[in-house]
Amino acid sequence: MGLDLQDVTKTYDMNSIAVEALRGVSMSLGESDYVAIMGPSGSGKSTLMNIIGCLDVPTTGRYFIDGRDVSTLGEDQLAEVRNTKIGFVFQTFNLLPRADVFHNVELPLIYRGLRPSKRREMTMAAIEAVGLADRVQHKPTELSGGQRQRVAIARALATSPSIILADEPTGNLDTVTGSEIMAIFDDLQRRGNAILLVTHEEDVARHAHRIVRLRDGVIETDTAQREAA
């Protein structure tokens, strides 16, 4: 279970100039692992997240999710992997403004083609996991920033993914609310979810059990931290 990157590179053509965003990145993430990715602007964090999230593919190297080599898949196959193996949580929440909490969380299950009764069961389980069972009929505009991020986390959980990818999940939240959101991630990890988060905030990264620091497209350090009691 988990993911494994093997000597992954990513090169972009910028006005006929080759720009190496990643230069031989190798890392793995096992079941229930909790990893933070850090690094300065231009270090390759976003490119790495896009590849891990199957939003992009490596130029060279291999990438496995749950033992399946996804580095050479086409767009339709990558979309299927995204919908079944990966749960995304974004800084800007990315919720549908006219849909209520239930339908925002249910959306990836609709794409998967599950029958309505199964969708409802999985949707409600995800909503309850983030403490929003009393807000299922509220729309995003009727929720606080912290509640909206909880909806985004529930949507990521709904498909029972192999890994949750969180990109600056507290970036639009105040300190207190951000701490509440990180407590949810901590609890999800204790329940067995693998979590990979990108952050520039040291206090957020300290929640993870490993911190991977990128610089100039390579892993500078990959350091284990003592797990919180």
Protein backbone atom coordinates (compact mmCIF):
# COMPACT_ATOMS: atom_id res chain seq x y z
CA MET A 1 0.00 0.00 0.00
CA GLY A 2 1.05 3.64 -0.47
CA LEU A 3 3.09 5.43 -3.08
CA ASP A 4 6.62 5.14 -4.38
CA LEU A 5 8.51 7.61 -6.58
CA GLN A 6 11.68 6.32 -8.21
CA ASP A 7 14.18 8.83 -9.61
CA VAL A 8 11.43 11.13 -10.90
CA THR A 9 12.35 14.11 -13.07
CA LYS A 10 10.16 16.80 -14.61
CA THR A 11 11.39 19.16 -17.31
CA TYR A 12 9.33 21.97 -18.81
CA ASP A 13 9.96 23.74 -22.10
CA MET A 14 9.82 27.47 -21.36
CA ASN A 15 10.35 29.44 -24.58
CA SER A 16 12.69 26.76 -25.94
CA ILE A 17 14.59 26.67 -22.65
CA ALA A 18 14.53 23.42 -20.67
CA VAL A 19 13.62 24.07 -17.03
CA GLU A 20 14.22 21.19 -14.62
CA ALA A 21 11.54 21.41 -11.94
CA LEU A 22 12.41 18.01 -10.42
CA ARG A 23 15.81 16.37 -10.71
CA GLY A 24 15.76 12.75 -9.59
CA VAL A 25 13.29 12.67 -6.69
CA SER A 26 12.80 9.35 -4.90
CA MET A 27 10.50 8.96 -1.92
CA SER A 28 7.86 6.62 -0.57
CA LEU A 29 4.76 6.92 1.56
CA GLY A 30 3.28 3.90 3.30
CA GLU A 31 -0.11 3.18 4.78
CA SER A 32 -0.95 5.70 7.55
CA ASP A 33 2.27 7.67 6.97
CA TYR A 34 2.12 11.42 7.66
CA VAL A 35 4.54 13.52 5.60
CA ALA A 36 4.99 17.28 5.15
CA ILE A 37 6.72 18.71 2.08
CA MET A 38 8.46 22.04 2.53
CA GLY A 39 10.77 24.23 0.49
CA PRO A 40 11.21 27.77 -0.84
CA SER A 41 9.36 29.12 -3.85
CA GLY A 42 10.62 27.39 -7.00
CA SER A 43 11.90 24.35 -5.12
CA GLY A 44 9.57 21.95 -6.96
CA LYS A 45 6.85 21.47 -4.31
CA SER A 46 3.92 22.18 -6.63
CA THR A 47 5.36 20.05 -9.43
CA LEU A 48 5.89 17.16 -7.03
CA MET A 49 2.33 17.47 -5.70
CA ASN A 50 0.94 17.53 -9.23
CA ILE A 51 2.77 14.33 -10.10
CA ILE A 52 1.81 12.59 -6.86
CA GLY A 53 -1.80 13.70 -7.43
CA CYS A 54 -1.75 12.33 -11.01
CA LEU A 55 -2.40 15.82 -12.38
CA ASP A 56 0.89 15.55 -14.30
CA VAL A 57 3.30 12.80 -15.29
CA PRO A 58 7.09 12.53 -14.85
CA THR A 59 9.45 13.27 -17.72
CA THR A 60 11.53 10.29 -16.59
CA GLY A 61 11.38 7.94 -13.63
CA ARG A 62 8.55 5.79 -12.30
CA TYR A 63 5.68 6.38 -9.91
CA PHE A 64 3.66 3.63 -8.24
CA ILE A 65 0.40 3.91 -6.29
CA ASP A 66 -0.58 0.76 -4.39
CA GLY A 67 1.82 -1.17 -6.60
CA ARG A 68 0.46 0.15 -9.92
CA ASP A 69 2.83 2.05 -12.22
CA VAL A 70 0.91 5.24 -13.03
CA SER A 71 3.80 7.15 -14.58
CA THR A 72 2.86 6.12 -18.14
CA LEU A 73 -0.93 6.24 -17.95
CA GLY A 74 -3.12 8.28 -20.29
CA GLU A 75 -5.51 11.04 -19.22
CA ASP A 76 -8.57 8.81 -18.75
CA GLN A 77 -6.63 6.31 -16.68
CA LEU A 78 -5.08 9.08 -14.57
CA ALA A 79 -8.55 10.52 -13.93
CA GLU A 80 -9.70 7.11 -12.71
CA VAL A 81 -6.72 6.88 -10.34
CA ARG A 82 -7.40 10.39 -9.02
CA ASN A 83 -11.02 9.51 -8.32
CA THR A 84 -10.32 6.21 -6.56
CA LYS A 85 -6.92 6.55 -4.91
CA ILE A 86 -6.39 10.21 -4.03
CA GLY A 87 -8.30 12.72 -1.92
CA PHE A 88 -7.46 16.39 -2.50
CA VAL A 89 -7.70 19.23 0.02
CA PHE A 90 -6.91 22.71 -1.32
CA GLN A 91 -6.09 26.02 0.35
CA THR A 92 -9.04 27.67 -1.42
CA PHE A 93 -11.49 24.84 -0.54
CA ASN A 94 -12.75 24.50 -4.19
CA LEU A 95 -16.37 23.95 -3.17
CA LEU A 96 -19.40 24.36 -5.42
CA PRO A 97 -21.05 27.56 -4.10
CA ARG A 98 -24.62 26.62 -5.03
CA ALA A 99 -24.44 23.07 -3.67
CA ASP A 100 -24.98 22.21 -0.02
CA VAL A 101 -22.50 20.32 2.16
CA PHE A 102 -23.96 16.92 1.30
CA HIS A 103 -23.75 17.39 -2.45
CA ASN A 104 -20.26 18.90 -2.32
CA VAL A 105 -19.02 15.83 -0.45
CA GLU A 106 -21.01 13.43 -2.62
CA LEU A 107 -19.62 14.74 -5.92
CA PRO A 108 -16.61 12.38 -6.35
CA LEU A 109 -18.87 9.42 -5.57
CA ILE A 110 -21.22 10.47 -8.36
CA TYR A 111 -18.27 10.48 -10.74
CA ARG A 112 -17.43 6.98 -9.57
CA GLY A 113 -20.91 5.81 -10.56
CA LEU A 114 -22.01 4.37 -7.22
CA ARG A 115 -25.67 3.66 -6.55
CA PRO A 116 -27.53 6.38 -4.55
CA SER A 117 -27.88 4.38 -1.33
CA LYS A 118 -24.15 3.60 -1.23
CA ARG A 119 -23.30 7.22 -2.06
CA ARG A 120 -25.42 8.47 0.81
CA GLU A 121 -23.83 6.03 3.25
CA MET A 122 -20.28 7.01 2.28
CA THR A 123 -21.09 10.73 2.11
CA MET A 124 -22.63 10.83 5.56
CA ALA A 125 -19.76 8.82 7.05
CA ALA A 126 -17.26 11.38 5.69
CA ILE A 127 -19.34 14.35 6.91
CA GLU A 128 -19.68 12.83 10.37
CA ALA A 129 -15.92 12.19 10.49
CA VAL A 130 -15.27 15.96 10.33
CA GLY A 131 -18.05 16.90 12.74
CA LEU A 132 -20.49 18.53 10.30
CA ALA A 133 -23.50 16.22 10.54
CA ASP A 134 -25.62 19.20 11.63
CA ARG A 135 -24.61 21.25 8.56
CA VAL A 136 -25.45 18.89 5.69
CA GLN A 137 -27.98 21.27 4.11
CA HIS A 138 -25.88 24.42 4.46
CA LYS A 139 -24.18 26.01 1.47
CA PRO A 140 -20.54 27.18 1.58
CA THR A 141 -21.59 30.84 1.97
CA GLU A 142 -23.39 29.86 5.17
CA LEU A 143 -20.27 28.33 6.70
CA SER A 144 -17.13 29.70 8.34
CA GLY A 145 -13.74 29.24 6.72
CA GLY A 146 -12.93 26.39 9.07
CA GLN A 147 -16.22 24.67 8.32
CA ARG A 148 -15.62 25.02 4.58
CA GLN A 149 -12.23 23.36 4.96
CA ARG A 150 -13.91 20.57 6.93
CA VAL A 151 -16.25 20.07 3.97
CA ALA A 152 -13.24 19.89 1.67
CA ILE A 153 -11.64 17.28 3.94
CA ALA A 154 -14.89 15.27 4.01
CA ARG A 155 -15.01 15.36 0.20
CA ALA A 156 -11.44 14.04 0.11
CA LEU A 157 -12.39 11.27 2.55
CA ALA A 158 -15.58 10.22 0.81
CA THR A 159 -13.94 7.88 -1.69
CA SER A 160 -11.83 6.12 0.96
CA PRO A 161 -8.61 7.12 -0.85
CA SER A 162 -5.19 5.55 -0.40
CA ILE A 163 -3.74 8.99 0.35
CA ILE A 164 -4.97 12.47 1.23
CA LEU A 165 -3.04 15.32 -0.45
CA ALA A 166 -3.40 18.66 1.31
CA ASP A 167 -1.96 21.78 -0.35
CA GLU A 168 -1.50 24.58 2.22
CA PRO A 169 -4.67 23.41 4.04
CA THR A 170 -4.50 26.18 6.67
CA GLY A 171 -3.32 28.97 4.36
CA ASN A 172 -6.65 30.83 4.33
CA LEU A 173 -7.45 30.27 8.01
CA ASP A 174 -6.64 32.10 11.22
CA THR A 175 -4.31 30.46 13.72
CA VAL A 176 -6.99 28.99 15.98
CA THR A 177 -9.05 27.59 13.11
CA GLY A 178 -5.90 26.28 11.44
CA SER A 179 -5.04 24.38 14.60
CA GLU A 180 -8.52 22.84 14.63
CA ILE A 181 -8.09 21.69 11.02
CA MET A 182 -4.69 20.17 11.79
CA ALA A 183 -6.27 18.31 14.71
CA ILE A 184 -8.63 16.71 12.19
CA PHE A 185 -5.71 15.60 10.02
CA ASP A 186 -3.97 14.20 13.11
CA ASP A 187 -7.09 12.21 13.97
CA LEU A 188 -7.46 10.92 10.40
CA GLN A 189 -3.87 9.71 10.44
CA ARG A 190 -4.45 7.90 13.72
CA ARG A 191 -7.41 6.17 12.06
CA GLY A 192 -5.10 4.87 9.33
CA ASN A 193 -5.19 7.47 6.55
CA ALA A 194 -1.93 8.32 4.77
CA ILE A 195 -1.50 12.09 4.59
CA LEU A 196 0.86 14.20 2.51
CA LEU A 197 0.71 17.95 2.99
CA VAL A 198 2.53 20.86 1.39
CA THR A 199 3.10 23.80 3.69
CA HIS A 200 5.45 26.72 4.25
CA GLU A 201 4.50 26.91 7.93
CA GLU A 202 6.83 25.16 10.36
CA ASP A 203 4.14 24.76 13.02
CA VAL A 204 1.89 22.97 10.52
CA ALA A 205 4.74 20.73 9.34
CA ARG A 206 5.44 19.69 12.93
CA HIS A 207 2.17 17.74 12.94
CA ALA A 208 3.66 15.34 10.38
CA HIS A 209 5.89 12.40 11.27
CA ARG A 210 8.34 13.18 8.46
CA ILE A 211 9.40 16.45 6.87
CA VAL A 212 10.74 16.34 3.31
CA ARG A 213 12.53 19.55 2.30
CA LEU A 214 13.00 20.34 -1.38
CA ARG A 215 15.47 22.77 -2.90
CA ASP A 216 16.16 23.31 -6.61
CA GLY A 217 14.19 20.23 -7.61
CA VAL A 218 15.94 17.74 -5.32
CA ILE A 219 15.24 16.41 -1.84
CA GLU A 220 17.56 18.27 0.50
CA THR A 221 16.52 16.42 3.66
CA ASP A 222 13.99 13.72 4.61
CA THR A 223 13.75 13.76 8.38
CA ALA A 224 11.65 11.66 10.74
CA GLN A 225 10.05 13.41 13.69
CA ARG A 226 8.98 12.00 17.01
CA GLU A 227 5.28 11.19 16.82
CA ALA A 228 3.01 13.27 18.98
CA ALA A 229 1.81 11.55 22.11
